[in-house]
C-alpha atoms as a PDB file:
ATOM      1  CA  UNK A   1       3.550 -58.405   2.720  1.00  0.00           C
ATOM      2  CA  UNK A   2       4.678 -59.988  -0.569  1.00  0.00           C
ATOM      3  CA  UNK A   3       1.061 -60.759  -1.431  1.00  0.00           C
ATOM      4  CA  UNK A   4       0.097 -57.093  -0.893  1.00  0.00           C
ATOM      5  CA  UNK A   5       2.966 -55.898  -3.096  1.00  0.00           C
ATOM      6  CA  UNK A   6       2.075 -58.365  -5.834  1.00  0.00           C
ATOM      7  CA  UNK A   7      -1.556 -57.224  -5.701  1.00  0.00           C
ATOM      8  CA  UNK A   8      -0.547 -53.557  -6.014  1.00  0.00           C
ATOM      9  CA  UNK A   9       1.764 -54.285  -8.930  1.00  0.00           C
ATOM     10  CA  UNK A  10      -0.883 -56.329 -10.698  1.00  0.00           C
ATOM     11  CA  UNK A  11      -3.430 -53.541 -10.353  1.00  0.00           C
ATOM     12  CA  UNK A  12      -1.083 -51.133 -12.160  1.00  0.00           C
ATOM     13  CA  UNK A  13      -0.185 -47.566 -11.185  1.00  0.00           C
ATOM     14  CA  UNK A  14      -2.807 -45.675  -9.291  1.00  0.00           C
ATOM     15  CA  UNK A  15      -4.039 -42.353 -10.657  1.00  0.00           C
ATOM     16  CA  UNK A  16      -5.159 -39.557  -8.357  1.00  0.00           C
ATOM     17  CA  UNK A  17      -8.899 -39.295  -7.893  1.00  0.00           C
ATOM     18  CA  UNK A  18     -10.344 -36.451  -9.927  1.00  0.00           C
ATOM     19  CA  UNK A  19     -12.506 -34.038  -7.977  1.00  0.00           C
ATOM     20  CA  UNK A  20     -16.032 -33.841  -9.319  1.00  0.00           C
ATOM     21  CA  UNK A  21     -17.210 -30.589 -10.847  1.00  0.00           C
ATOM     22  CA  UNK A  22     -20.611 -29.136  -9.943  1.00  0.00           C
ATOM     23  CA  UNK A  23     -23.277 -30.729 -12.105  1.00  0.00           C
ATOM     24  CA  UNK A  24     -26.398 -28.905 -10.982  1.00  0.00           C
ATOM     25  CA  UNK A  25     -27.344 -25.267 -10.556  1.00  0.00           C
ATOM     26  CA  UNK A  26     -27.520 -25.675  -6.788  1.00  0.00           C
ATOM     27  CA  UNK A  27     -23.990 -27.083  -6.619  1.00  0.00           C
ATOM     28  CA  UNK A  28     -22.645 -24.250  -8.781  1.00  0.00           C
ATOM     29  CA  UNK A  29     -24.308 -21.644  -6.536  1.00  0.00           C
ATOM     30  CA  UNK A  30     -22.802 -23.314  -3.469  1.00  0.00           C
ATOM     31  CA  UNK A  31     -19.338 -23.164  -5.026  1.00  0.00           C
ATOM     32  CA  UNK A  32     -19.798 -19.475  -5.868  1.00  0.00           C
ATOM     33  CA  UNK A  33     -20.959 -18.669  -2.338  1.00  0.00           C
ATOM     34  CA  UNK A  34     -17.969 -20.408  -0.721  1.00  0.00           C
ATOM     35  CA  UNK A  35     -15.557 -18.859  -3.211  1.00  0.00           C
ATOM     36  CA  UNK A  36     -16.975 -15.386  -2.574  1.00  0.00           C
ATOM     37  CA  UNK A  37     -16.609 -15.856   1.177  1.00  0.00           C
ATOM     38  CA  UNK A  38     -13.046 -17.134   0.838  1.00  0.00           C
ATOM     39  CA  UNK A  39     -11.974 -14.195  -1.339  1.00  0.00           C
ATOM     40  CA  UNK A  40     -13.524 -11.739   1.113  1.00  0.00           C
ATOM     41  CA  UNK A  41     -11.496 -13.365   3.898  1.00  0.00           C
ATOM     42  CA  UNK A  42      -8.302 -12.960   1.866  1.00  0.00           C
ATOM     43  CA  UNK A  43      -9.165  -9.373   1.015  1.00  0.00           C
ATOM     44  CA  UNK A  44      -9.906  -8.592   4.668  1.00  0.00           C
ATOM     45  CA  UNK A  45      -6.606 -10.128   5.762  1.00  0.00           C
ATOM     46  CA  UNK A  46      -4.590  -7.921   3.423  1.00  0.00           C
ATOM     47  CA  UNK A  47      -6.736  -4.909   4.371  1.00  0.00           C
ATOM     48  CA  UNK A  48      -5.813  -5.472   8.013  1.00  0.00           C
ATOM     49  CA  UNK A  49      -2.139  -5.570   7.040  1.00  0.00           C
ATOM     50  CA  UNK A  50      -2.513  -2.244   5.236  1.00  0.00           C
ATOM     51  CA  UNK A  51      -4.120  -0.683   8.316  1.00  0.00           C
ATOM     52  CA  UNK A  52      -1.337  -2.082  10.496  1.00  0.00           C
ATOM     53  CA  UNK A  53       1.350  -0.449   8.356  1.00  0.00           C
ATOM     54  CA  UNK A  54      -0.508   2.872   8.412  1.00  0.00           C
ATOM     55  CA  UNK A  55      -0.729   2.655  12.209  1.00  0.00           C
ATOM     56  CA  UNK A  56       3.023   2.060  12.386  1.00  0.00           C
ATOM     57  CA  UNK A  57       3.637   5.123  10.229  1.00  0.00           C
ATOM     58  CA  UNK A  58       1.411   7.294  12.420  1.00  0.00           C
ATOM     59  CA  UNK A  59       3.207   6.010  15.511  1.00  0.00           C
ATOM     60  CA  UNK A  60       6.597   6.804  13.970  1.00  0.00           C
ATOM     61  CA  UNK A  61       5.501  10.340  13.078  1.00  0.00           C
ATOM     62  CA  UNK A  62       4.075  10.985  16.555  1.00  0.00           C
ATOM     63  CA  UNK A  63       7.109   9.538  18.310  1.00  0.00           C
ATOM     64  CA  UNK A  64       9.679  11.431  16.238  1.00  0.00           C
ATOM     65  CA  UNK A  65       7.764  14.697  16.627  1.00  0.00           C
ATOM     66  CA  UNK A  66       7.754  14.217  20.370  1.00  0.00           C
ATOM     67  CA  UNK A  67      11.485  13.481  20.481  1.00  0.00           C
ATOM     68  CA  UNK A  68      12.516  16.290  18.142  1.00  0.00           C
ATOM     69  CA  UNK A  69      10.325  19.163  19.346  1.00  0.00           C
ATOM     70  CA  UNK A  70      10.302  18.416  23.049  1.00  0.00           C
ATOM     71  CA  UNK A  71      13.884  19.503  23.704  1.00  0.00           C
ATOM     72  CA  UNK A  72      16.387  21.854  22.018  1.00  0.00           C
ATOM     73  CA  UNK A  73      19.122  19.247  22.345  1.00  0.00           C
ATOM     74  CA  UNK A  74      17.428  16.962  19.802  1.00  0.00           C
ATOM     75  CA  UNK A  75      18.995  17.193  16.348  1.00  0.00           C
ATOM     76  CA  UNK A  76      16.862  18.067  13.336  1.00  0.00           C
ATOM     77  CA  UNK A  77      18.197  14.898  11.718  1.00  0.00           C
ATOM     78  CA  UNK A  78      15.657  12.993  13.843  1.00  0.00           C
ATOM     79  CA  UNK A  79      12.904  14.323  11.604  1.00  0.00           C
ATOM     80  CA  UNK A  80      14.869  13.420   8.482  1.00  0.00           C
ATOM     81  CA  UNK A  81      15.253   9.917   9.858  1.00  0.00           C
ATOM     82  CA  UNK A  82      11.484   9.856  10.437  1.00  0.00           C
ATOM     83  CA  UNK A  83      10.949  10.713   6.754  1.00  0.00           C
ATOM     84  CA  UNK A  84      13.129   7.740   5.790  1.00  0.00           C
ATOM     85  CA  UNK A  85      11.193   5.395   8.086  1.00  0.00           C
ATOM     86  CA  UNK A  86       7.819   6.575   6.798  1.00  0.00           C
ATOM     87  CA  UNK A  87       9.060   6.133   3.228  1.00  0.00           C
ATOM     88  CA  UNK A  88      10.063   2.561   4.076  1.00  0.00           C
ATOM     89  CA  UNK A  89       6.613   1.887   5.547  1.00  0.00           C
ATOM     90  CA  UNK A  90       5.022   3.403   2.437  1.00  0.00           C
ATOM     91  CA  UNK A  91       7.000   0.986   0.268  1.00  0.00           C
ATOM     92  CA  UNK A  92       5.871  -1.963   2.392  1.00  0.00           C
ATOM     93  CA  UNK A  93       2.260  -0.800   2.318  1.00  0.00           C
ATOM     94  CA  UNK A  94       2.328  -0.350  -1.454  1.00  0.00           C
ATOM     95  CA  UNK A  95       3.371  -3.997  -1.828  1.00  0.00           C
ATOM     96  CA  UNK A  96       0.586  -5.112   0.499  1.00  0.00           C
ATOM     97  CA  UNK A  97      -1.909  -2.937  -1.357  1.00  0.00           C
ATOM     98  CA  UNK A  98      -1.086  -4.689  -4.641  1.00  0.00           C
ATOM     99  CA  UNK A  99      -2.004  -8.059  -3.101  1.00  0.00           C
ATOM    100  CA  UNK A 100      -5.151  -6.566  -1.577  1.00  0.00           C
ATOM    101  CA  UNK A 101      -6.142  -5.154  -4.969  1.00  0.00           C
ATOM    102  CA  UNK A 102      -5.999  -8.621  -6.576  1.00  0.00           C
ATOM    103  CA  UNK A 103      -8.479 -10.171  -4.136  1.00  0.00           C
ATOM    104  CA  UNK A 104     -10.688  -7.087  -4.068  1.00  0.00           C
ATOM    105  CA  UNK A 105     -10.952  -7.205  -7.866  1.00  0.00           C
ATOM    106  CA  UNK A 106     -12.138 -10.827  -7.706  1.00  0.00           C
ATOM    107  CA  UNK A 107     -14.750 -10.012  -5.082  1.00  0.00           C
ATOM    108  CA  UNK A 108     -16.012  -7.005  -7.002  1.00  0.00           C
ATOM    109  CA  UNK A 109     -16.112  -9.009 -10.245  1.00  0.00           C
ATOM    110  CA  UNK A 110     -18.457 -11.497  -8.600  1.00  0.00           C
ATOM    111  CA  UNK A 111     -20.562  -8.796  -7.013  1.00  0.00           C
ATOM    112  CA  UNK A 112     -20.905  -6.706 -10.163  1.00  0.00           C
ATOM    113  CA  UNK A 113     -21.549  -9.535 -12.599  1.00  0.00           C
ATOM    114  CA  UNK A 114     -23.399 -12.146 -10.525  1.00  0.00           C
ATOM    115  CA  UNK A 115     -24.916 -10.827  -7.309  1.00  0.00           C
ATOM    116  CA  UNK A 116     -25.921  -7.509  -8.879  1.00  0.00           C
ATOM    117  CA  UNK A 117     -27.691  -9.461 -11.635  1.00  0.00           C
ATOM    118  CA  UNK A 118     -29.737 -11.269  -9.005  1.00  0.00           C
ATOM    119  CA  UNK A 119     -30.982  -8.095  -7.337  1.00  0.00           C
ATOM    120  CA  UNK A 120     -31.178  -5.851 -10.413  1.00  0.00           C
ATOM    121  CA  UNK A 121     -30.740  -7.695 -13.732  1.00  0.00           C
ATOM    122  CA  UNK A 122     -29.044  -5.720 -16.475  1.00  0.00           C
ATOM    123  CA  UNK A 123     -29.925  -6.692 -20.043  1.00  0.00           C
ATOM    124  CA  UNK A 124     -26.516  -5.835 -21.469  1.00  0.00           C
ATOM    125  CA  UNK A 125     -24.537  -8.035 -19.093  1.00  0.00           C
ATOM    126  CA  UNK A 126     -21.891 -10.228 -20.736  1.00  0.00           C
ATOM    127  CA  UNK A 127     -20.571 -13.590 -19.614  1.00  0.00           C
ATOM    128  CA  UNK A 128     -16.881 -13.100 -20.370  1.00  0.00           C
ATOM    129  CA  UNK A 129     -16.250 -12.204 -16.729  1.00  0.00           C
ATOM    130  CA  UNK A 130     -16.270 -15.904 -15.825  1.00  0.00           C
ATOM    131  CA  UNK A 131     -13.483 -16.598 -18.308  1.00  0.00           C
ATOM    132  CA  UNK A 132     -11.467 -13.644 -16.986  1.00  0.00           C
ATOM    133  CA  UNK A 133     -11.958 -14.840 -13.430  1.00  0.00           C
ATOM    134  CA  UNK A 134     -10.897 -18.379 -14.355  1.00  0.00           C
ATOM    135  CA  UNK A 135      -7.739 -17.157 -16.099  1.00  0.00           C
ATOM    136  CA  UNK A 136      -6.904 -14.999 -13.101  1.00  0.00           C
ATOM    137  CA  UNK A 137      -7.207 -18.030 -10.819  1.00  0.00           C
ATOM    138  CA  UNK A 138      -4.947 -20.075 -13.109  1.00  0.00           C
ATOM    139  CA  UNK A 139      -2.262 -17.401 -13.460  1.00  0.00           C
ATOM    140  CA  UNK A 140      -2.665 -14.654 -10.832  1.00  0.00           C
ATOM    141  CA  UNK A 141      -1.026 -11.352 -11.715  1.00  0.00           C
ATOM    142  CA  UNK A 142      -0.862  -7.947 -10.104  1.00  0.00           C
ATOM    143  CA  UNK A 143      -3.415  -5.576 -11.576  1.00  0.00           C
ATOM    144  CA  UNK A 144      -1.609  -2.334 -10.718  1.00  0.00           C
ATOM    145  CA  UNK A 145       2.037  -1.315 -10.707  1.00  0.00           C
ATOM    146  CA  UNK A 146       4.021  -0.441  -7.626  1.00  0.00           C
ATOM    147  CA  UNK A 147       4.050   3.209  -8.700  1.00  0.00           C
ATOM    148  CA  UNK A 148       0.258   3.375  -8.861  1.00  0.00           C
ATOM    149  CA  UNK A 149      -0.040   1.605  -5.503  1.00  0.00           C
ATOM    150  CA  UNK A 150       2.293   4.123  -3.868  1.00  0.00           C
ATOM    151  CA  UNK A 151       0.384   6.992  -5.454  1.00  0.00           C
ATOM    152  CA  UNK A 152      -2.915   5.738  -4.023  1.00  0.00           C
ATOM    153  CA  UNK A 153      -1.512   5.289  -0.541  1.00  0.00           C
ATOM    154  CA  UNK A 154       0.087   8.729  -0.691  1.00  0.00           C
ATOM    155  CA  UNK A 155      -3.232  10.325  -1.560  1.00  0.00           C
ATOM    156  CA  UNK A 156      -5.024   8.481   1.216  1.00  0.00           C
ATOM    157  CA  UNK A 157      -2.615   8.817   4.142  1.00  0.00           C
ATOM    158  CA  UNK A 158       1.090   9.200   3.639  1.00  0.00           C
ATOM    159  CA  UNK A 159       1.334  12.548   1.843  1.00  0.00           C
ATOM    160  CA  UNK A 160      -0.258  14.254   4.834  1.00  0.00           C
ATOM    161  CA  UNK A 161       2.151  12.526   7.212  1.00  0.00           C
ATOM    162  CA  UNK A 162       5.066  13.771   5.124  1.00  0.00           C
ATOM    163  CA  UNK A 163       3.602  17.295   5.226  1.00  0.00           C
ATOM    164  CA  UNK A 164       3.456  17.150   9.026  1.00  0.00           C
ATOM    165  CA  UNK A 165       7.094  16.044   9.151  1.00  0.00           C
ATOM    166  CA  UNK A 166       8.115  18.792   6.738  1.00  0.00           C
ATOM    167  CA  UNK A 167       6.334  21.463   8.791  1.00  0.00           C
ATOM    168  CA  UNK A 168       7.996  20.195  11.973  1.00  0.00           C
ATOM    169  CA  UNK A 169      11.405  20.119  10.264  1.00  0.00           C
ATOM    170  CA  UNK A 170      11.025  23.712   9.011  1.00  0.00           C
ATOM    171  CA  UNK A 171       9.983  24.789  12.500  1.00  0.00           C
ATOM    172  CA  UNK A 172      12.938  22.964  13.998  1.00  0.00           C
ATOM    173  CA  UNK A 173      15.614  24.462  11.741  1.00  0.00           C
ATOM    174  CA  UNK A 174      14.179  27.992  11.749  1.00  0.00           C
ATOM    175  CA  UNK A 175      13.549  28.424  15.484  1.00  0.00           C
ATOM    176  CA  UNK A 176      16.524  29.385  17.624  1.00  0.00           C
ATOM    177  CA  UNK A 177      14.930  28.017  20.799  1.00  0.00           C
ATOM    178  CA  UNK A 178      14.684  24.552  19.210  1.00  0.00           C
ATOM    179  CA  UNK A 179      18.370  24.437  18.131  1.00  0.00           C
ATOM    180  CA  UNK A 180      20.603  24.424  21.161  1.00  0.00           C
ATOM    181  CA  UNK A 181      23.949  23.842  19.434  1.00  0.00           C
ATOM    182  CA  UNK A 182      23.256  25.753  16.232  1.00  0.00           C
ATOM    183  CA  UNK A 183      24.957  28.998  15.361  1.00  0.00           C
ATOM    184  CA  UNK A 184      22.810  32.088  15.871  1.00  0.00           C
ATOM    185  CA  UNK A 185      21.170  33.246  12.662  1.00  0.00           C
ATOM    186  CA  UNK A 186      22.315  36.611  11.383  1.00  0.00           C
ATOM    187  CA  UNK A 187      19.215  38.828  11.012  1.00  0.00           C
ATOM    188  CA  UNK A 188      20.809  40.444   7.966  1.00  0.00           C
ATOM    189  CA  UNK A 189      21.256  37.055   6.258  1.00  0.00           C
ATOM    190  CA  UNK A 190      18.580  34.731   7.696  1.00  0.00           C
ATOM    191  CA  UNK A 191      18.490  32.334   4.760  1.00  0.00           C
ATOM    192  CA  UNK A 192      22.223  31.721   4.799  1.00  0.00           C
ATOM    193  CA  UNK A 193      22.162  31.129   8.549  1.00  0.00           C
ATOM    194  CA  UNK A 194      19.333  28.627   8.336  1.00  0.00           C
ATOM    195  CA  UNK A 195      21.060  26.744   5.506  1.00  0.00           C
ATOM    196  CA  UNK A 196      24.222  26.467   7.596  1.00  0.00           C
ATOM    197  CA  UNK A 197      22.243  24.939  10.445  1.00  0.00           C
ATOM    198  CA  UNK A 198      20.947  22.201   8.103  1.00  0.00           C
ATOM    199  CA  UNK A 199      24.332  20.495   7.938  1.00  0.00           C
ATOM    200  CA  UNK A 200      24.474  16.812   8.891  1.00  0.00           C
ATOM    201  CA  UNK A 201      28.026  16.084   9.956  1.00  0.00           C
ATOM    202  CA  UNK A 202      30.236  16.383   6.869  1.00  0.00           C
ATOM    203  CA  UNK A 203      27.214  16.939   4.607  1.00  0.00           C
ATOM    204  CA  UNK A 204      26.761  20.685   3.995  1.00  0.00           C
ATOM    205  CA  UNK A 205      23.419  22.305   4.607  1.00  0.00           C
ATOM    206  CA  UNK A 206      22.730  23.159   0.980  1.00  0.00           C
ATOM    207  CA  UNK A 207      23.003  19.479   0.022  1.00  0.00           C
ATOM    208  CA  UNK A 208      20.494  18.522   2.734  1.00  0.00           C
ATOM    209  CA  UNK A 209      18.139  21.257   1.549  1.00  0.00           C
ATOM    210  CA  UNK A 210      18.461  20.110  -2.067  1.00  0.00           C
ATOM    211  CA  UNK A 211      17.763  16.477  -1.196  1.00  0.00           C
ATOM    212  CA  UNK A 212      14.729  17.319   0.937  1.00  0.00           C
ATOM    213  CA  UNK A 213      13.364  19.707  -1.684  1.00  0.00           C
ATOM    214  CA  UNK A 214      13.790  17.144  -4.477  1.00  0.00           C
ATOM    215  CA  UNK A 215      12.189  14.441  -2.355  1.00  0.00           C
ATOM    216  CA  UNK A 216       9.099  16.530  -1.639  1.00  0.00           C
ATOM    217  CA  UNK A 217       8.782  17.608  -5.260  1.00  0.00           C
ATOM    218  CA  UNK A 218       8.714  13.934  -6.210  1.00  0.00           C
ATOM    219  CA  UNK A 219       6.151  13.200  -3.477  1.00  0.00           C
ATOM    220  CA  UNK A 220       3.893  15.985  -4.740  1.00  0.00           C
ATOM    221  CA  UNK A 221       4.097  14.724  -8.310  1.00  0.00           C
ATOM    222  CA  UNK A 222       3.523  11.093  -7.299  1.00  0.00           C
ATOM    223  CA  UNK A 223       0.483  12.084  -5.248  1.00  0.00           C
ATOM    224  CA  UNK A 224      -1.291  14.480  -7.582  1.00  0.00           C
ATOM    225  CA  UNK A 225      -0.103  13.394 -11.019  1.00  0.00           C
ATOM    226  CA  UNK A 226      -2.887  12.998 -13.620  1.00  0.00           C
ATOM    227  CA  UNK A 227      -4.197   9.466 -13.641  1.00  0.00           C
ATOM    228  CA  UNK A 228      -6.600   7.493 -15.763  1.00  0.00           C
ATOM    229  CA  UNK A 229      -9.358   5.672 -13.955  1.00  0.00           C
ATOM    230  CA  UNK A 230      -9.318   1.977 -14.744  1.00  0.00           C
ATOM    231  CA  UNK A 231     -10.345  -1.284 -13.163  1.00  0.00           C
ATOM    232  CA  UNK A 232     -12.356  -0.841  -9.982  1.00  0.00           C
ATOM    233  CA  UNK A 233     -11.857   2.938 -10.036  1.00  0.00           C
ATOM    234  CA  UNK A 234     -13.796   3.098 -13.292  1.00  0.00           C
ATOM    235  CA  UNK A 235     -16.908   1.629 -11.671  1.00  0.00           C
ATOM    236  CA  UNK A 236     -17.320   3.899  -8.662  1.00  0.00           C
ATOM    237  CA  UNK A 237     -15.725   6.059  -6.002  1.00  0.00           C
ATOM    238  CA  UNK A 238     -15.864   3.573  -3.122  1.00  0.00           C
ATOM    239  CA  UNK A 239     -12.302   2.318  -2.931  1.00  0.00           C
ATOM    240  CA  UNK A 240      -9.378   2.282  -0.520  1.00  0.00           C
END
């Protein structure tokens, strides 16, 4: 044992073995092929997570609609609670979408600048994409903000779910046969009667109406606000 220790000390400190870099064209192509496949696997994994969150949101909407509209004894607050849950799922999906967008951008960078050049060479193609890809691998950063991610997911799925919940909520609070414990609405003052039935415990109905109205105004703006196409959106219309 002492002899082994003395031999190690005499040899000096050991340095980690440096991995060899590709030296030939064939080796470089092999590295690119494996890297492309690995990034597609990452992108697919995050895409599956996005689909899973959307499925949860659809399940929540369907379940809450069934509970709220199936019986008059169900409170209209069930639909408001559904809006909160769907908003939470939208926030989670926006975070997942930002990760998905990072790996999708890498895959599309390879496909646009390398594989597309193989099948249809473009004379004006530049080589700076390799430097940008290398810097992204060294210091990965999100390419879109959380606000933009939420806006994209709203346009694709969630805005329409919120519209379904809003329509069900309006039907619930305006139909006497769906509100068992609510006060009958005075035909002479229907708006005032409906607003009174919106109360949630100590919270008056006009506050609930104001909050819901403000929330849906924000949703409409976040979904349809003017946006500048950049990144992958600037290259085509095939995107998630």
